[in-house]
Amino acid sequence: MQRELRERGLGADDEAWQFDEIDLVDTLAELLTLRIQTIRLGWLRSRFDSSGKPGQGCRPLQRKELVHLFENNSIRIERLARDLINRLHRWLVSSL
């Protein structure tokens, strides 16, 4: 989120971000985290559905599997981040 904001001219060193009560990067990152949970939940569901034996659980997850999942979806996650910033921008412009 910080990189996306910086590319739009809103860097962390801007004076406005040093004294405001809101931390825009953290707030947008929290929203992005909620949005990308759908990726994780969809993957877990397909993993459970393909486990083969009904009523039997899946093997425990390994950290590298989750890292691989998010690396494979990095373009989608970046698009979701840009979408959040664009929505914020449209909202700000429409409220002027």
PDB file of N, CA and C in Angstrom:
ATOM      1  N   MET A   1       0.822  -1.180   0.000  1.00  0.00           N
ATOM      2  CA  MET A   1       0.000   0.000   0.000  1.00  0.00           C
ATOM      3  C   MET A   1       0.877   1.258   0.000  1.00  0.00           C
ATOM      4  N   GLN A   2       1.962   1.186   0.759  1.00  0.00           N
ATOM      5  CA  GLN A   2       2.843   2.342   0.812  1.00  0.00           C
ATOM      6  C   GLN A   2       3.431   2.641  -0.568  1.00  0.00           C
ATOM      7  N   ARG A   3       3.821   1.609  -1.296  1.00  0.00           N
ATOM      8  CA  ARG A   3       4.377   1.807  -2.637  1.00  0.00           C
ATOM      9  C   ARG A   3       3.321   2.393  -3.568  1.00  0.00           C
ATOM     10  N   GLU A   4       2.102   1.866  -3.498  1.00  0.00           N
ATOM     11  CA  GLU A   4       1.029   2.370  -4.358  1.00  0.00           C
ATOM     12  C   GLU A   4       0.736   3.837  -4.057  1.00  0.00           C
ATOM     13  N   LEU A   5       0.714   4.206  -2.781  1.00  0.00           N
ATOM     14  CA  LEU A   5       0.471   5.607  -2.420  1.00  0.00           C
ATOM     15  C   LEU A   5       1.625   6.499  -2.864  1.00  0.00           C
ATOM     16  N   ARG A   6       2.843   6.014  -2.684  1.00  0.00           N
ATOM     17  CA  ARG A   6       4.016   6.791  -3.079  1.00  0.00           C
ATOM     18  C   ARG A   6       4.013   7.046  -4.584  1.00  0.00           C
ATOM     19  N   GLU A   7       3.589   6.050  -5.376  1.00  0.00           N
ATOM     20  CA  GLU A   7       3.532   6.222  -6.828  1.00  0.00           C
ATOM     21  C   GLU A   7       2.507   7.279  -7.235  1.00  0.00           C
ATOM     22  N   ARG A   8       1.561   7.558  -6.354  1.00  0.00           N
ATOM     23  CA  ARG A   8       0.557   8.583  -6.623  1.00  0.00           C
ATOM     24  C   ARG A   8       0.887   9.913  -5.962  1.00  0.00           C
ATOM     25  N   GLY A   9       2.136  10.024  -5.453  1.00  0.00           N
ATOM     26  CA  GLY A   9       2.581  11.278  -4.881  1.00  0.00           C
ATOM     27  C   GLY A   9       2.262  11.460  -3.411  1.00  0.00           C
ATOM     28  N   LEU A  10       1.866  10.404  -2.722  1.00  0.00           N
ATOM     29  CA  LEU A  10       1.556  10.497  -1.295  1.00  0.00           C
ATOM     30  C   LEU A  10       2.578   9.698  -0.503  1.00  0.00           C
ATOM     31  N   GLY A  11       3.740  10.267  -0.315  1.00  0.00           N
ATOM     32  CA  GLY A  11       4.812   9.569   0.380  1.00  0.00           C
ATOM     33  C   GLY A  11       4.667   9.638   1.887  1.00  0.00           C
ATOM     34  N   ALA A  12       5.335   8.736   2.588  1.00  0.00           N
ATOM     35  CA  ALA A  12       5.277   8.672   4.050  1.00  0.00           C
ATOM     36  C   ALA A  12       5.932   9.891   4.683  1.00  0.00           C
ATOM     37  N   ASP A  13       6.804  10.593   3.951  1.00  0.00           N
ATOM     38  CA  ASP A  13       7.488  11.748   4.524  1.00  0.00           C
ATOM     39  C   ASP A  13       6.712  13.047   4.326  1.00  0.00           C
ATOM     40  N   ASP A  14       5.529  12.978   3.710  1.00  0.00           N
ATOM     41  CA  ASP A  14       4.713  14.176   3.547  1.00  0.00           C
ATOM     42  C   ASP A  14       4.319  14.717   4.920  1.00  0.00           C
ATOM     43  N   GLU A  15       4.351  16.014   5.044  1.00  0.00           N
ATOM     44  CA  GLU A  15       4.083  16.657   6.332  1.00  0.00           C
ATOM     45  C   GLU A  15       2.690  16.309   6.872  1.00  0.00           C
ATOM     46  N   ALA A  16       1.716  16.194   6.007  1.00  0.00           N
ATOM     47  CA  ALA A  16       0.347  15.909   6.453  1.00  0.00           C
ATOM     48  C   ALA A  16       0.249  14.573   7.166  1.00  0.00           C
ATOM     49  N   TRP A  17       1.023  13.586   6.734  1.00  0.00           N
ATOM     50  CA  TRP A  17       0.939  12.255   7.349  1.00  0.00           C
ATOM     51  C   TRP A  17       1.660  12.202   8.690  1.00  0.00           C
ATOM     52  N   GLN A  18       2.517  13.173   8.974  1.00  0.00           N
ATOM     53  CA  GLN A  18       3.272  13.153  10.222  1.00  0.00           C
ATOM     54  C   GLN A  18       2.457  13.647  11.408  1.00  0.00           C
ATOM     55  N   PHE A  19       1.409  14.409  11.170  1.00  0.00           N
ATOM     56  CA  PHE A  19       0.672  15.005  12.271  1.00  0.00           C
ATOM     57  C   PHE A  19      -0.808  14.617  12.309  1.00  0.00           C
ATOM     58  N   ASP A  20      -1.311  13.959  11.299  1.00  0.00           N
ATOM     59  CA  ASP A  20      -2.718  13.550  11.291  1.00  0.00           C
ATOM     60  C   ASP A  20      -2.934  12.366  12.220  1.00  0.00           C
ATOM     61  N   GLU A  21      -4.192  12.174  12.625  1.00  0.00           N
ATOM     62  CA  GLU A  21      -4.536  11.066  13.502  1.00  0.00           C
ATOM     63  C   GLU A  21      -4.679   9.749  12.739  1.00  0.00           C
ATOM     64  N   ILE A  22      -4.915   9.820  11.448  1.00  0.00           N
ATOM     65  CA  ILE A  22      -5.123   8.605  10.657  1.00  0.00           C
ATOM     66  C   ILE A  22      -3.805   8.185  10.009  1.00  0.00           C
ATOM     67  N   ASP A  23      -3.566   6.908  10.032  1.00  0.00           N
ATOM     68  CA  ASP A  23      -2.406   6.357   9.333  1.00  0.00           C
ATOM     69  C   ASP A  23      -2.950   5.700   8.063  1.00  0.00           C
ATOM     70  N   LEU A  24      -2.881   6.416   6.970  1.00  0.00           N
ATOM     71  CA  LEU A  24      -3.500   5.972   5.725  1.00  0.00           C
ATOM     72  C   LEU A  24      -2.956   4.642   5.250  1.00  0.00           C
ATOM     73  N   VAL A  25      -1.656   4.438   5.352  1.00  0.00           N
ATOM     74  CA  VAL A  25      -1.054   3.184   4.889  1.00  0.00           C
ATOM     75  C   VAL A  25      -1.601   2.011   5.702  1.00  0.00           C
ATOM     76  N   ASP A  26      -1.602   2.145   7.026  1.00  0.00           N
ATOM     77  CA  ASP A  26      -2.103   1.048   7.866  1.00  0.00           C
ATOM     78  C   ASP A  26      -3.578   0.779   7.626  1.00  0.00           C
ATOM     79  N   THR A  27      -4.367   1.827   7.515  1.00  0.00           N
ATOM     80  CA  THR A  27      -5.804   1.656   7.308  1.00  0.00           C
ATOM     81  C   THR A  27      -6.087   0.975   5.978  1.00  0.00           C
ATOM     82  N   LEU A  28      -5.425   1.411   4.919  1.00  0.00           N
ATOM     83  CA  LEU A  28      -5.626   0.784   3.611  1.00  0.00           C
ATOM     84  C   LEU A  28      -5.092  -0.644   3.604  1.00  0.00           C
ATOM     85  N   ALA A  29      -4.001  -0.889   4.320  1.00  0.00           N
ATOM     86  CA  ALA A  29      -3.457  -2.252   4.405  1.00  0.00           C
ATOM     87  C   ALA A  29      -4.439  -3.185   5.112  1.00  0.00           C
ATOM     88  N   GLU A  30      -5.108  -2.687   6.152  1.00  0.00           N
ATOM     89  CA  GLU A  30      -6.117  -3.500   6.834  1.00  0.00           C
ATOM     90  C   GLU A  30      -7.271  -3.834   5.892  1.00  0.00           C
ATOM     91  N   LEU A  31      -7.714  -2.849   5.116  1.00  0.00           N
ATOM     92  CA  LEU A  31      -8.781  -3.099   4.141  1.00  0.00           C
ATOM     93  C   LEU A  31      -8.334  -4.096   3.081  1.00  0.00           C
ATOM     94  N   LEU A  32      -7.100  -3.966   2.627  1.00  0.00           N
ATOM     95  CA  LEU A  32      -6.566  -4.897   1.637  1.00  0.00           C
ATOM     96  C   LEU A  32      -6.499  -6.306   2.215  1.00  0.00           C
ATOM     97  N   THR A  33      -6.103  -6.420   3.480  1.00  0.00           N
ATOM     98  CA  THR A  33      -6.048  -7.733   4.128  1.00  0.00           C
ATOM     99  C   THR A  33      -7.413  -8.405   4.116  1.00  0.00           C
ATOM    100  N   LEU A  34      -8.447  -7.633   4.380  1.00  0.00           N
ATOM    101  CA  LEU A  34      -9.799  -8.203   4.338  1.00  0.00           C
ATOM    102  C   LEU A  34     -10.161  -8.659   2.928  1.00  0.00           C
ATOM    103  N   ARG A  35      -9.766  -7.871   1.936  1.00  0.00           N
ATOM    104  CA  ARG A  35     -10.082  -8.228   0.550  1.00  0.00           C
ATOM    105  C   ARG A  35      -9.359  -9.489   0.099  1.00  0.00           C
ATOM    106  N   ILE A  36      -8.103  -9.685   0.540  1.00  0.00           N
ATOM    107  CA  ILE A  36      -7.358 -10.849   0.061  1.00  0.00           C
ATOM    108  C   ILE A  36      -7.691 -12.114   0.846  1.00  0.00           C
ATOM    109  N   GLN A  37      -8.468 -11.991   1.899  1.00  0.00           N
ATOM    110  CA  GLN A  37      -8.894 -13.191   2.619  1.00  0.00           C
ATOM    111  C   GLN A  37      -9.744 -14.090   1.723  1.00  0.00           C
ATOM    112  N   THR A  38     -10.428 -13.502   0.757  1.00  0.00           N
ATOM    113  CA  THR A  38     -11.234 -14.317  -0.159  1.00  0.00           C
ATOM    114  C   THR A  38     -10.350 -15.259  -0.978  1.00  0.00           C
ATOM    115  N   ILE A  39      -9.139 -14.807  -1.305  1.00  0.00           N
ATOM    116  CA  ILE A  39      -8.196 -15.666  -2.026  1.00  0.00           C
ATOM    117  C   ILE A  39      -7.831 -16.856  -1.154  1.00  0.00           C
ATOM    118  N   ARG A  40      -7.474 -16.573   0.093  1.00  0.00           N
ATOM    119  CA  ARG A  40      -7.072 -17.631   1.022  1.00  0.00           C
ATOM    120  C   ARG A  40      -8.225 -18.591   1.306  1.00  0.00           C
ATOM    121  N   LEU A  41      -9.413 -18.051   1.546  1.00  0.00           N
ATOM    122  CA  LEU A  41     -10.561 -18.905   1.858  1.00  0.00           C
ATOM    123  C   LEU A  41     -10.958 -19.771   0.666  1.00  0.00           C
ATOM    124  N   GLY A  42     -10.900 -19.205  -0.532  1.00  0.00           N
ATOM    125  CA  GLY A  42     -11.203 -19.986  -1.733  1.00  0.00           C
ATOM    126  C   GLY A  42     -10.208 -21.119  -1.926  1.00  0.00           C
ATOM    127  N   TRP A  43      -8.946 -20.836  -1.670  1.00  0.00           N
ATOM    128  CA  TRP A  43      -7.915 -21.858  -1.798  1.00  0.00           C
ATOM    129  C   TRP A  43      -8.113 -22.960  -0.766  1.00  0.00           C
ATOM    130  N   LEU A  44      -8.441 -22.569   0.480  1.00  0.00           N
ATOM    131  CA  LEU A  44      -8.677 -23.567   1.526  1.00  0.00           C
ATOM    132  C   LEU A  44      -9.891 -24.438   1.193  1.00  0.00           C
ATOM    133  N   ARG A  45     -10.923 -23.806   0.645  1.00  0.00           N
ATOM    134  CA  ARG A  45     -12.119 -24.583   0.277  1.00  0.00           C
ATOM    135  C   ARG A  45     -11.797 -25.584  -0.825  1.00  0.00           C
ATOM    136  N   SER A  46     -11.079 -25.150  -1.851  1.00  0.00           N
ATOM    137  CA  SER A  46     -10.751 -26.081  -2.939  1.00  0.00           C
ATOM    138  C   SER A  46      -9.814 -27.179  -2.439  1.00  0.00           C
ATOM    139  N   ARG A  47      -8.949 -26.835  -1.523  1.00  0.00           N
ATOM    140  CA  ARG A  47      -8.056 -27.830  -0.924  1.00  0.00           C
ATOM    141  C   ARG A  47      -8.853 -28.868  -0.148  1.00  0.00           C
ATOM    142  N   PHE A  48      -9.851 -28.413   0.602  1.00  0.00           N
ATOM    143  CA  PHE A  48     -10.697 -29.326   1.367  1.00  0.00           C
ATOM    144  C   PHE A  48     -11.537 -30.197   0.430  1.00  0.00           C
ATOM    145  N   ASP A  49     -12.108 -29.562  -0.608  1.00  0.00           N
ATOM    146  CA  ASP A  49     -12.950 -30.307  -1.558  1.00  0.00           C
ATOM    147  C   ASP A  49     -12.163 -31.371  -2.307  1.00  0.00           C
ATOM    148  N   SER A  50     -10.881 -31.130  -2.535  1.00  0.00           N
ATOM    149  CA  SER A  50     -10.079 -32.085  -3.294  1.00  0.00           C
ATOM    150  C   SER A  50      -9.316 -33.054  -2.397  1.00  0.00           C
ATOM    151  N   SER A  51      -9.615 -33.034  -1.097  1.00  0.00           N
ATOM    152  CA  SER A  51      -8.874 -33.910  -0.184  1.00  0.00           C
ATOM    153  C   SER A  51      -9.159 -35.382  -0.434  1.00  0.00           C
ATOM    154  N   GLY A  52     -10.261 -35.674  -1.118  1.00  0.00           N
ATOM    155  CA  GLY A  52     -10.502 -37.054  -1.535  1.00  0.00           C
ATOM    156  C   GLY A  52     -11.451 -37.833  -0.664  1.00  0.00           C
ATOM    157  N   LYS A  53     -11.223 -37.876   0.612  1.00  0.00           N
ATOM    158  CA  LYS A  53     -12.038 -38.717   1.483  1.00  0.00           C
ATOM    159  C   LYS A  53     -12.992 -37.863   2.300  1.00  0.00           C
ATOM    160  N   PRO A  54     -14.307 -38.039   2.088  1.00  0.00           N
ATOM    161  CA  PRO A  54     -15.284 -37.261   2.854  1.00  0.00           C
ATOM    162  C   PRO A  54     -15.177 -37.559   4.350  1.00  0.00           C
ATOM    163  N   GLY A  55     -15.330 -36.523   5.155  1.00  0.00           N
ATOM    164  CA  GLY A  55     -15.284 -36.683   6.592  1.00  0.00           C
ATOM    165  C   GLY A  55     -13.888 -36.744   7.176  1.00  0.00           C
ATOM    166  N   GLN A  56     -12.904 -36.765   6.314  1.00  0.00           N
ATOM    167  CA  GLN A  56     -11.526 -36.819   6.789  1.00  0.00           C
ATOM    168  C   GLN A  56     -10.876 -35.468   6.498  1.00  0.00           C
ATOM    169  N   GLY A  57     -10.160 -34.941   7.470  1.00  0.00           N
ATOM    170  CA  GLY A  57      -9.538 -33.634   7.309  1.00  0.00           C
ATOM    171  C   GLY A  57      -8.362 -33.648   6.352  1.00  0.00           C
ATOM    172  N   CYS A  58      -7.902 -32.466   6.028  1.00  0.00           N
ATOM    173  CA  CYS A  58      -6.728 -32.305   5.166  1.00  0.00           C
ATOM    174  C   CYS A  58      -5.471 -32.392   6.024  1.00  0.00           C
ATOM    175  N   ARG A  59      -4.375 -32.641   5.376  1.00  0.00           N
ATOM    176  CA  ARG A  59      -3.098 -32.632   6.087  1.00  0.00           C
ATOM    177  C   ARG A  59      -2.804 -31.196   6.529  1.00  0.00           C
ATOM    178  N   PRO A  60      -2.001 -31.031   7.572  1.00  0.00           N
ATOM    179  CA  PRO A  60      -1.683 -29.679   8.062  1.00  0.00           C
ATOM    180  C   PRO A  60      -1.005 -28.831   6.982  1.00  0.00           C
ATOM    181  N   LEU A  61      -1.308 -27.539   7.005  1.00  0.00           N
ATOM    182  CA  LEU A  61      -0.707 -26.603   6.055  1.00  0.00           C
ATOM    183  C   LEU A  61       0.754 -26.354   6.393  1.00  0.00           C
ATOM    184  N   GLN A  62       1.511 -26.146   5.366  1.00  0.00           N
ATOM    185  CA  GLN A  62       2.898 -25.732   5.537  1.00  0.00           C
ATOM    186  C   GLN A  62       3.000 -24.262   5.156  1.00  0.00           C
ATOM    187  N   ARG A  63       3.852 -23.553   5.850  1.00  0.00           N
ATOM    188  CA  ARG A  63       4.014 -22.120   5.611  1.00  0.00           C
ATOM    189  C   ARG A  63       4.361 -21.826   4.154  1.00  0.00           C
ATOM    190  N   LYS A  64       5.190 -22.671   3.561  1.00  0.00           N
ATOM    191  CA  LYS A  64       5.610 -22.413   2.174  1.00  0.00           C
ATOM    192  C   LYS A  64       4.429 -22.508   1.209  1.00  0.00           C
ATOM    193  N   GLU A  65       3.404 -23.297   1.552  1.00  0.00           N
ATOM    194  CA  GLU A  65       2.216 -23.372   0.698  1.00  0.00           C
ATOM    195  C   GLU A  65       1.468 -22.036   0.678  1.00  0.00           C
ATOM    196  N   LEU A  66       1.351 -21.415   1.845  1.00  0.00           N
ATOM    197  CA  LEU A  66       0.677 -20.119   1.912  1.00  0.00           C
ATOM    198  C   LEU A  66       1.489 -19.032   1.217  1.00  0.00           C
ATOM    199  N   VAL A  67       2.797 -19.070   1.401  1.00  0.00           N
ATOM    200  CA  VAL A  67       3.658 -18.098   0.723  1.00  0.00           C
ATOM    201  C   VAL A  67       3.516 -18.255  -0.787  1.00  0.00           C
ATOM    202  N   HIS A  68       3.524 -19.492  -1.253  1.00  0.00           N
ATOM    203  CA  HIS A  68       3.369 -19.777  -2.679  1.00  0.00           C
ATOM    204  C   HIS A  68       2.014 -19.277  -3.191  1.00  0.00           C
ATOM    205  N   LEU A  69       0.966 -19.471  -2.398  1.00  0.00           N
ATOM    206  CA  LEU A  69      -0.378 -19.003  -2.786  1.00  0.00           C
ATOM    207  C   LEU A  69      -0.366 -17.497  -3.024  1.00  0.00           C
ATOM    208  N   PHE A  70       0.182 -16.735  -2.089  1.00  0.00           N
ATOM    209  CA  PHE A  70       0.164 -15.286  -2.229  1.00  0.00           C
ATOM    210  C   PHE A  70       1.156 -14.792  -3.274  1.00  0.00           C
ATOM    211  N   GLU A  71       2.256 -15.490  -3.469  1.00  0.00           N
ATOM    212  CA  GLU A  71       3.171 -15.112  -4.553  1.00  0.00           C
ATOM    213  C   GLU A  71       2.512 -15.331  -5.908  1.00  0.00           C
ATOM    214  N   ASN A  72       1.762 -16.410  -6.049  1.00  0.00           N
ATOM    215  CA  ASN A  72       1.072 -16.683  -7.308  1.00  0.00           C
ATOM    216  C   ASN A  72      -0.046 -15.683  -7.579  1.00  0.00           C
ATOM    217  N   ASN A  73      -0.564 -15.052  -6.552  1.00  0.00           N
ATOM    218  CA  ASN A  73      -1.658 -14.092  -6.697  1.00  0.00           C
ATOM    219  C   ASN A  73      -1.190 -12.651  -6.519  1.00  0.00           C
ATOM    220  N   SER A  74       0.115 -12.405  -6.618  1.00  0.00           N
ATOM    221  CA  SER A  74       0.642 -11.067  -6.347  1.00  0.00           C
ATOM    222  C   SER A  74       0.074 -10.015  -7.305  1.00  0.00           C
ATOM    223  N   ILE A  75      -0.120 -10.357  -8.546  1.00  0.00           N
ATOM    224  CA  ILE A  75      -0.682  -9.397  -9.508  1.00  0.00           C
ATOM    225  C   ILE A  75      -2.114  -9.041  -9.120  1.00  0.00           C
ATOM    226  N   ARG A  76      -2.885 -10.042  -8.747  1.00  0.00           N
ATOM    227  CA  ARG A  76      -4.263  -9.798  -8.309  1.00  0.00           C
ATOM    228  C   ARG A  76      -4.297  -8.943  -7.050  1.00  0.00           C
ATOM    229  N   ILE A  77      -3.390  -9.199  -6.115  1.00  0.00           N
ATOM    230  CA  ILE A  77      -3.336  -8.433  -4.868  1.00  0.00           C
ATOM    231  C   ILE A  77      -2.939  -6.984  -5.152  1.00  0.00           C
ATOM    232  N   GLU A  78      -1.993  -6.776  -6.042  1.00  0.00           N
ATOM    233  CA  GLU A  78      -1.620  -5.411  -6.424  1.00  0.00           C
ATOM    234  C   GLU A  78      -2.793  -4.692  -7.078  1.00  0.00           C
ATOM    235  N   ARG A  79      -3.551  -5.393  -7.883  1.00  0.00           N
ATOM    236  CA  ARG A  79      -4.738  -4.808  -8.514  1.00  0.00           C
ATOM    237  C   ARG A  79      -5.775  -4.426  -7.453  1.00  0.00           C
ATOM    238  N   LEU A  80      -5.949  -5.271  -6.440  1.00  0.00           N
ATOM    239  CA  LEU A  80      -6.876  -4.954  -5.354  1.00  0.00           C
ATOM    240  C   LEU A  80      -6.415  -3.714  -4.592  1.00  0.00           C
ATOM    241  N   ALA A  81      -5.103  -3.571  -4.381  1.00  0.00           N
ATOM    242  CA  ALA A  81      -4.566  -2.394  -3.693  1.00  0.00           C
ATOM    243  C   ALA A  81      -4.828  -1.131  -4.510  1.00  0.00           C
ATOM    244  N   ARG A  82      -4.563  -1.194  -5.802  1.00  0.00           N
ATOM    245  CA  ARG A  82      -4.831  -0.036  -6.669  1.00  0.00           C
ATOM    246  C   ARG A  82      -6.313   0.301  -6.676  1.00  0.00           C
ATOM    247  N   ASP A  83      -7.155  -0.717  -6.666  1.00  0.00           N
ATOM    248  CA  ASP A  83      -8.596  -0.512  -6.657  1.00  0.00           C
ATOM    249  C   ASP A  83      -9.039   0.230  -5.391  1.00  0.00           C
ATOM    250  N   LEU A  84      -8.479  -0.144  -4.244  1.00  0.00           N
ATOM    251  CA  LEU A  84      -8.825   0.553  -3.000  1.00  0.00           C
ATOM    252  C   LEU A  84      -8.435   2.025  -3.056  1.00  0.00           C
ATOM    253  N   ILE A  85      -7.232   2.304  -3.562  1.00  0.00           N
ATOM    254  CA  ILE A  85      -6.777   3.685  -3.656  1.00  0.00           C
ATOM    255  C   ILE A  85      -7.621   4.461  -4.655  1.00  0.00           C
ATOM    256  N   ASN A  86      -7.954   3.841  -5.780  1.00  0.00           N
ATOM    257  CA  ASN A  86      -8.798   4.513  -6.773  1.00  0.00           C
ATOM    258  C   ASN A  86     -10.181   4.811  -6.225  1.00  0.00           C
ATOM    259  N   ARG A  87     -10.739   3.889  -5.444  1.00  0.00           N
ATOM    260  CA  ARG A  87     -12.053   4.127  -4.831  1.00  0.00           C
ATOM    261  C   ARG A  87     -11.985   5.278  -3.836  1.00  0.00           C
ATOM    262  N   LEU A  88     -10.908   5.316  -3.045  1.00  0.00           N
ATOM    263  CA  LEU A  88     -10.727   6.421  -2.106  1.00  0.00           C
ATOM    264  C   LEU A  88     -10.624   7.736  -2.870  1.00  0.00           C
ATOM    265  N   HIS A  89      -9.862   7.734  -3.939  1.00  0.00           N
ATOM    266  CA  HIS A  89      -9.706   8.953  -4.742  1.00  0.00           C
ATOM    267  C   HIS A  89     -11.046   9.411  -5.320  1.00  0.00           C
ATOM    268  N   ARG A  90     -11.799   8.489  -5.894  1.00  0.00           N
ATOM    269  CA  ARG A  90     -13.119   8.859  -6.444  1.00  0.00           C
ATOM    270  C   ARG A  90     -14.044   9.405  -5.360  1.00  0.00           C
ATOM    271  N   TRP A  91     -14.004   8.812  -4.181  1.00  0.00           N
ATOM    272  CA  TRP A  91     -14.843   9.274  -3.089  1.00  0.00           C
ATOM    273  C   TRP A  91     -14.444  10.674  -2.665  1.00  0.00           C
ATOM    274  N   LEU A  92     -13.129  10.913  -2.568  1.00  0.00           N
ATOM    275  CA  LEU A  92     -12.653  12.248  -2.171  1.00  0.00           C
ATOM    276  C   LEU A  92     -13.031  13.296  -3.209  1.00  0.00           C
ATOM    277  N   VAL A  93     -12.858  12.968  -4.479  1.00  0.00           N
ATOM    278  CA  VAL A  93     -13.188  13.918  -5.546  1.00  0.00           C
ATOM    279  C   VAL A  93     -14.687  14.199  -5.575  1.00  0.00           C
ATOM    280  N   SER A  94     -15.511  13.186  -5.374  1.00  0.00           N
ATOM    281  CA  SER A  94     -16.962  13.383  -5.427  1.00  0.00           C
ATOM    282  C   SER A  94     -17.489  14.159  -4.225  1.00  0.00           C
ATOM    283  N   SER A  95     -16.729  14.166  -3.133  1.00  0.00           N
ATOM    284  CA  SER A  95     -17.198  14.889  -1.946  1.00  0.00           C
ATOM    285  C   SER A  95     -16.748  16.354  -1.928  1.00  0.00           C
ATOM    286  N   LEU A  96     -16.005  16.779  -2.949  1.00  0.00           N
ATOM    287  CA  LEU A  96     -15.577  18.191  -3.027  1.00  0.00           C
ATOM    288  C   LEU A  96     -16.667  19.109  -3.467  1.00  0.00           C
TER     289      LEU A  96
END
